[in-house]
C-alpha atoms as a PDB file:
ATOM      1  CA  UNK A   1       0.105 -18.422  -2.027  1.00  0.00           C
ATOM      2  CA  UNK A   2      -2.120 -18.806  -4.304  1.00  0.00           C
ATOM      3  CA  UNK A   3      -5.159 -17.853  -2.489  1.00  0.00           C
ATOM      4  CA  UNK A   4      -3.214 -14.992  -1.866  1.00  0.00           C
ATOM      5  CA  UNK A   5      -3.046 -14.276  -5.512  1.00  0.00           C
ATOM      6  CA  UNK A   6      -6.371 -14.807  -6.123  1.00  0.00           C
ATOM      7  CA  UNK A   7      -7.792 -12.500  -3.920  1.00  0.00           C
ATOM      8  CA  UNK A   8      -5.080  -9.443  -5.524  1.00  0.00           C
ATOM      9  CA  UNK A   9      -7.123 -10.147  -8.719  1.00  0.00           C
ATOM     10  CA  UNK A  10     -10.849 -10.296  -6.571  1.00  0.00           C
ATOM     11  CA  UNK A  11     -10.312  -7.019  -5.069  1.00  0.00           C
ATOM     12  CA  UNK A  12      -9.949  -5.221  -8.721  1.00  0.00           C
ATOM     13  CA  UNK A  13     -12.900  -7.539  -9.455  1.00  0.00           C
ATOM     14  CA  UNK A  14     -14.844  -6.828  -6.851  1.00  0.00           C
ATOM     15  CA  UNK A  15     -15.073  -3.043  -7.497  1.00  0.00           C
ATOM     16  CA  UNK A  16     -18.140  -3.675  -9.483  1.00  0.00           C
ATOM     17  CA  UNK A  17     -19.537  -6.697  -8.458  1.00  0.00           C
ATOM     18  CA  UNK A  18     -19.904  -6.505  -4.860  1.00  0.00           C
ATOM     19  CA  UNK A  19     -22.307  -2.949  -5.479  1.00  0.00           C
ATOM     20  CA  UNK A  20     -23.831  -4.453  -8.789  1.00  0.00           C
ATOM     21  CA  UNK A  21     -24.772  -7.738  -6.089  1.00  0.00           C
ATOM     22  CA  UNK A  22     -25.928  -5.301  -3.702  1.00  0.00           C
ATOM     23  CA  UNK A  23     -28.450  -3.565  -6.417  1.00  0.00           C
ATOM     24  CA  UNK A  24     -29.753  -7.555  -7.786  1.00  0.00           C
ATOM     25  CA  UNK A  25     -29.587  -9.172  -4.486  1.00  0.00           C
ATOM     26  CA  UNK A  26     -31.566  -6.744  -2.323  1.00  0.00           C
ATOM     27  CA  UNK A  27     -34.325  -6.622  -4.855  1.00  0.00           C
ATOM     28  CA  UNK A  28     -34.202 -10.535  -5.186  1.00  0.00           C
ATOM     29  CA  UNK A  29     -34.616 -10.990  -1.812  1.00  0.00           C
ATOM     30  CA  UNK A  30     -37.491  -8.494  -2.015  1.00  0.00           C
ATOM     31  CA  UNK A  31     -35.892  -5.057  -0.525  1.00  0.00           C
ATOM     32  CA  UNK A  32     -39.001  -2.021  -1.229  1.00  0.00           C
ATOM     33  CA  UNK A  33     -38.660   0.929  -3.019  1.00  0.00           C
ATOM     34  CA  UNK A  34     -36.932   3.524   0.057  1.00  0.00           C
ATOM     35  CA  UNK A  35     -34.609   0.740   0.625  1.00  0.00           C
ATOM     36  CA  UNK A  36     -33.907   0.071  -3.280  1.00  0.00           C
ATOM     37  CA  UNK A  37     -33.024   3.537  -3.218  1.00  0.00           C
ATOM     38  CA  UNK A  38     -30.555   3.898   0.486  1.00  0.00           C
ATOM     39  CA  UNK A  39     -29.056   0.442  -2.007  1.00  0.00           C
ATOM     40  CA  UNK A  40     -27.927   1.977  -4.617  1.00  0.00           C
ATOM     41  CA  UNK A  41     -26.256   4.759  -1.797  1.00  0.00           C
ATOM     42  CA  UNK A  42     -24.506   2.665  -0.699  1.00  0.00           C
ATOM     43  CA  UNK A  43     -23.635   0.870  -3.518  1.00  0.00           C
ATOM     44  CA  UNK A  44     -22.275   3.537  -5.299  1.00  0.00           C
ATOM     45  CA  UNK A  45     -20.040   4.326  -1.818  1.00  0.00           C
ATOM     46  CA  UNK A  46     -19.216   0.965  -1.680  1.00  0.00           C
ATOM     47  CA  UNK A  47     -18.116   0.916  -5.553  1.00  0.00           C
ATOM     48  CA  UNK A  48     -14.814   3.899  -4.325  1.00  0.00           C
ATOM     49  CA  UNK A  49     -14.632   2.812  -0.921  1.00  0.00           C
ATOM     50  CA  UNK A  50     -13.307  -0.621  -2.564  1.00  0.00           C
ATOM     51  CA  UNK A  51     -11.456   1.377  -5.761  1.00  0.00           C
ATOM     52  CA  UNK A  52      -9.877   3.500  -2.692  1.00  0.00           C
ATOM     53  CA  UNK A  53      -8.874   0.700  -0.770  1.00  0.00           C
ATOM     54  CA  UNK A  54      -8.006  -1.404  -3.346  1.00  0.00           C
ATOM     55  CA  UNK A  55      -5.466   1.341  -5.086  1.00  0.00           C
ATOM     56  CA  UNK A  56      -4.149   1.759  -1.330  1.00  0.00           C
ATOM     57  CA  UNK A  57      -3.289  -2.136  -1.553  1.00  0.00           C
ATOM     58  CA  UNK A  58      -1.373  -2.112  -4.913  1.00  0.00           C
ATOM     59  CA  UNK A  59       0.563   0.940  -4.015  1.00  0.00           C
ATOM     60  CA  UNK A  60       2.703  -1.251  -1.752  1.00  0.00           C
ATOM     61  CA  UNK A  61       6.236  -2.608  -4.075  1.00  0.00           C
ATOM     62  CA  UNK A  62       5.450  -5.765  -2.750  1.00  0.00           C
ATOM     63  CA  UNK A  63       2.193  -6.129  -3.689  1.00  0.00           C
ATOM     64  CA  UNK A  64       2.790  -5.327  -7.360  1.00  0.00           C
ATOM     65  CA  UNK A  65       5.508  -7.077  -7.381  1.00  0.00           C
ATOM     66  CA  UNK A  66       4.891 -10.346  -5.842  1.00  0.00           C
ATOM     67  CA  UNK A  67       1.367 -10.360  -7.469  1.00  0.00           C
ATOM     68  CA  UNK A  68       0.118 -11.331  -4.211  1.00  0.00           C
ATOM     69  CA  UNK A  69      -1.344  -9.516  -1.193  1.00  0.00           C
ATOM     70  CA  UNK A  70      -0.436 -10.479   2.521  1.00  0.00           C
ATOM     71  CA  UNK A  71      -2.529 -12.520   4.430  1.00  0.00           C
ATOM     72  CA  UNK A  72      -3.541  -9.916   6.740  1.00  0.00           C
ATOM     73  CA  UNK A  73      -5.235  -8.161   4.020  1.00  0.00           C
ATOM     74  CA  UNK A  74      -6.846 -11.433   2.990  1.00  0.00           C
ATOM     75  CA  UNK A  75      -8.504 -11.151   6.434  1.00  0.00           C
ATOM     76  CA  UNK A  76      -9.449  -8.260   6.674  1.00  0.00           C
ATOM     77  CA  UNK A  77     -10.422  -6.904   3.163  1.00  0.00           C
ATOM     78  CA  UNK A  78     -12.321 -11.109   3.504  1.00  0.00           C
ATOM     79  CA  UNK A  79     -14.354 -10.202   6.303  1.00  0.00           C
ATOM     80  CA  UNK A  80     -15.386  -7.013   4.814  1.00  0.00           C
ATOM     81  CA  UNK A  81     -15.938  -9.038   1.311  1.00  0.00           C
ATOM     82  CA  UNK A  82     -17.771 -11.698   3.401  1.00  0.00           C
ATOM     83  CA  UNK A  83     -19.836  -8.816   5.594  1.00  0.00           C
ATOM     84  CA  UNK A  84     -21.278  -7.387   2.164  1.00  0.00           C
ATOM     85  CA  UNK A  85     -22.308 -10.430   0.469  1.00  0.00           C
ATOM     86  CA  UNK A  86     -24.247 -11.014   3.605  1.00  0.00           C
ATOM     87  CA  UNK A  87     -25.922  -7.885   3.418  1.00  0.00           C
ATOM     88  CA  UNK A  88     -27.883  -9.171   1.316  1.00  0.00           C
ATOM     89  CA  UNK A  89     -29.265 -12.343   3.153  1.00  0.00           C
ATOM     90  CA  UNK A  90     -29.554 -10.501   7.095  1.00  0.00           C
ATOM     91  CA  UNK A  91     -30.728  -6.388   5.483  1.00  0.00           C
ATOM     92  CA  UNK A  92     -34.304  -7.115   6.886  1.00  0.00           C
ATOM     93  CA  UNK A  93     -33.521  -9.020   9.884  1.00  0.00           C
ATOM     94  CA  UNK A  94     -30.376  -7.824  10.996  1.00  0.00           C
ATOM     95  CA  UNK A  95     -30.281  -4.219  10.319  1.00  0.00           C
ATOM     96  CA  UNK A  96     -27.055  -4.298  12.864  1.00  0.00           C
ATOM     97  CA  UNK A  97     -25.188  -6.193   9.326  1.00  0.00           C
ATOM     98  CA  UNK A  98     -24.485  -2.958   7.592  1.00  0.00           C
ATOM     99  CA  UNK A  99     -23.332  -1.159  10.940  1.00  0.00           C
ATOM    100  CA  UNK A 100     -21.099  -3.868  10.722  1.00  0.00           C
ATOM    101  CA  UNK A 101     -20.451  -3.631   7.208  1.00  0.00           C
ATOM    102  CA  UNK A 102     -19.326   0.240   7.785  1.00  0.00           C
ATOM    103  CA  UNK A 103     -17.760  -0.343  10.032  1.00  0.00           C
ATOM    104  CA  UNK A 104     -15.170  -3.694   8.668  1.00  0.00           C
ATOM    105  CA  UNK A 105     -15.094  -0.911   5.403  1.00  0.00           C
ATOM    106  CA  UNK A 106     -13.489   1.337   7.702  1.00  0.00           C
ATOM    107  CA  UNK A 107     -11.505  -0.366   9.176  1.00  0.00           C
ATOM    108  CA  UNK A 108      -9.852  -2.093   5.839  1.00  0.00           C
ATOM    109  CA  UNK A 109      -9.389   1.631   4.418  1.00  0.00           C
ATOM    110  CA  UNK A 110      -7.255   2.199   8.086  1.00  0.00           C
ATOM    111  CA  UNK A 111      -5.764  -0.945   8.116  1.00  0.00           C
ATOM    112  CA  UNK A 112      -4.415  -0.351   4.235  1.00  0.00           C
ATOM    113  CA  UNK A 113      -3.191   2.424   4.726  1.00  0.00           C
ATOM    114  CA  UNK A 114      -0.771   1.760   7.253  1.00  0.00           C
ATOM    115  CA  UNK A 115       0.282  -1.121   5.766  1.00  0.00           C
ATOM    116  CA  UNK A 116       1.095   0.968   2.771  1.00  0.00           C
ATOM    117  CA  UNK A 117       2.877   3.491   5.303  1.00  0.00           C
ATOM    118  CA  UNK A 118       4.861   0.700   6.928  1.00  0.00           C
ATOM    119  CA  UNK A 119       5.852  -0.724   3.812  1.00  0.00           C
ATOM    120  CA  UNK A 120       7.456   2.454   2.892  1.00  0.00           C
ATOM    121  CA  UNK A 121       9.126   2.790   6.377  1.00  0.00           C
ATOM    122  CA  UNK A 122      10.688  -0.646   6.290  1.00  0.00           C
ATOM    123  CA  UNK A 123      11.602   0.118   2.230  1.00  0.00           C
ATOM    124  CA  UNK A 124      13.274   3.388   3.725  1.00  0.00           C
ATOM    125  CA  UNK A 125      14.692   1.199   6.005  1.00  0.00           C
ATOM    126  CA  UNK A 126      16.114  -0.589   3.478  1.00  0.00           C
ATOM    127  CA  UNK A 127      18.016   2.739   1.567  1.00  0.00           C
ATOM    128  CA  UNK A 128      18.932   3.500   5.134  1.00  0.00           C
ATOM    129  CA  UNK A 129      21.065   0.714   5.433  1.00  0.00           C
ATOM    130  CA  UNK A 130      22.839  -0.220   1.626  1.00  0.00           C
ATOM    131  CA  UNK A 131      24.091   3.293   2.008  1.00  0.00           C
ATOM    132  CA  UNK A 132      25.403   3.204   5.545  1.00  0.00           C
ATOM    133  CA  UNK A 133      26.989  -0.519   4.910  1.00  0.00           C
ATOM    134  CA  UNK A 134      28.043   0.927   0.869  1.00  0.00           C
ATOM    135  CA  UNK A 135      30.115   4.166   2.415  1.00  0.00           C
ATOM    136  CA  UNK A 136      33.939   3.507   3.232  1.00  0.00           C
ATOM    137  CA  UNK A 137      34.349   4.598   6.902  1.00  0.00           C
ATOM    138  CA  UNK A 138      38.457   5.807   5.601  1.00  0.00           C
ATOM    139  CA  UNK A 139      39.060   7.963   2.392  1.00  0.00           C
ATOM    140  CA  UNK A 140      42.217   8.659   1.477  1.00  0.00           C
ATOM    141  CA  UNK A 141      43.128  11.689  -0.459  1.00  0.00           C
ATOM    142  CA  UNK A 142      45.452  10.999  -4.246  1.00  0.00           C
ATOM    143  CA  UNK A 143      45.620  14.160  -5.395  1.00  0.00           C
ATOM    144  CA  UNK A 144      47.663  16.746  -4.108  1.00  0.00           C
ATOM    145  CA  UNK A 145      48.541  20.327  -6.946  1.00  0.00           C
ATOM    146  CA  UNK A 146      47.445  18.547  -9.581  1.00  0.00           C
ATOM    147  CA  UNK A 147      49.802  15.745  -9.742  1.00  0.00           C
ATOM    148  CA  UNK A 148      48.517  12.431  -8.477  1.00  0.00           C
ATOM    149  CA  UNK A 149      49.999   9.977  -6.328  1.00  0.00           C
ATOM    150  CA  UNK A 150      50.765   5.827  -6.627  1.00  0.00           C
ATOM    151  CA  UNK A 151      49.282   5.508  -3.032  1.00  0.00           C
ATOM    152  CA  UNK A 152      46.790   7.146  -0.718  1.00  0.00           C
ATOM    153  CA  UNK A 153      49.475  10.010   1.229  1.00  0.00           C
ATOM    154  CA  UNK A 154      46.610  11.267   4.225  1.00  0.00           C
ATOM    155  CA  UNK A 155      43.021   9.954   5.354  1.00  0.00           C
ATOM    156  CA  UNK A 156      40.449  13.085   5.370  1.00  0.00           C
ATOM    157  CA  UNK A 157      38.142  13.660   7.671  1.00  0.00           C
ATOM    158  CA  UNK A 158      34.834  12.623   5.531  1.00  0.00           C
ATOM    159  CA  UNK A 159      33.565  16.113   7.701  1.00  0.00           C
ATOM    160  CA  UNK A 160      35.344  18.356   5.475  1.00  0.00           C
ATOM    161  CA  UNK A 161      35.993  19.103   1.942  1.00  0.00           C
ATOM    162  CA  UNK A 162      39.502  19.896   0.356  1.00  0.00           C
ATOM    163  CA  UNK A 163      39.707  21.575  -2.754  1.00  0.00           C
ATOM    164  CA  UNK A 164      43.237  21.742  -3.826  1.00  0.00           C
ATOM    165  CA  UNK A 165      43.962  24.715  -5.960  1.00  0.00           C
ATOM    166  CA  UNK A 166      45.533  24.620  -9.367  1.00  0.00           C
ATOM    167  CA  UNK A 167      48.610  26.940  -9.451  1.00  0.00           C
ATOM    168  CA  UNK A 168      47.969  29.744 -12.705  1.00  0.00           C
ATOM    169  CA  UNK A 169      50.995  30.171 -14.664  1.00  0.00           C
ATOM    170  CA  UNK A 170      51.946  33.941 -15.456  1.00  0.00           C
END
């Protein structure tokens, strides 16, 4: 639970920390002028993507209640964040790492969206089951012509609405 809770807070810190790491790390590890321009554009796109994914995760009620993400979230987003951190070290030697990081970001976005829809579907199912369990199978009528009987007089079909009329006084 501690790892999941730490990662919950890390996803919001990562919105600012990972783009800054790309900018600072690429300049430290020897990126050229044109590469720095690409890294600036990539850092902005990364920040927007991290924000979108963090908001999708935060939109789930169980994440907000427990202040912890799920284990699949930790795995998927941890891989994505590790690839982003590793970009700085391997960008010049292995340009395919950029592609892996972009694909991992796309996968993380769709995974977060799927988790949100799945959580919403589970909550709607719980509400429907609660409504079904609390509604009684037999509804009885206790008022006939304005007088209240002491007990039920007849079962009422739930598909039929009975509206008793009050007698009018002339």
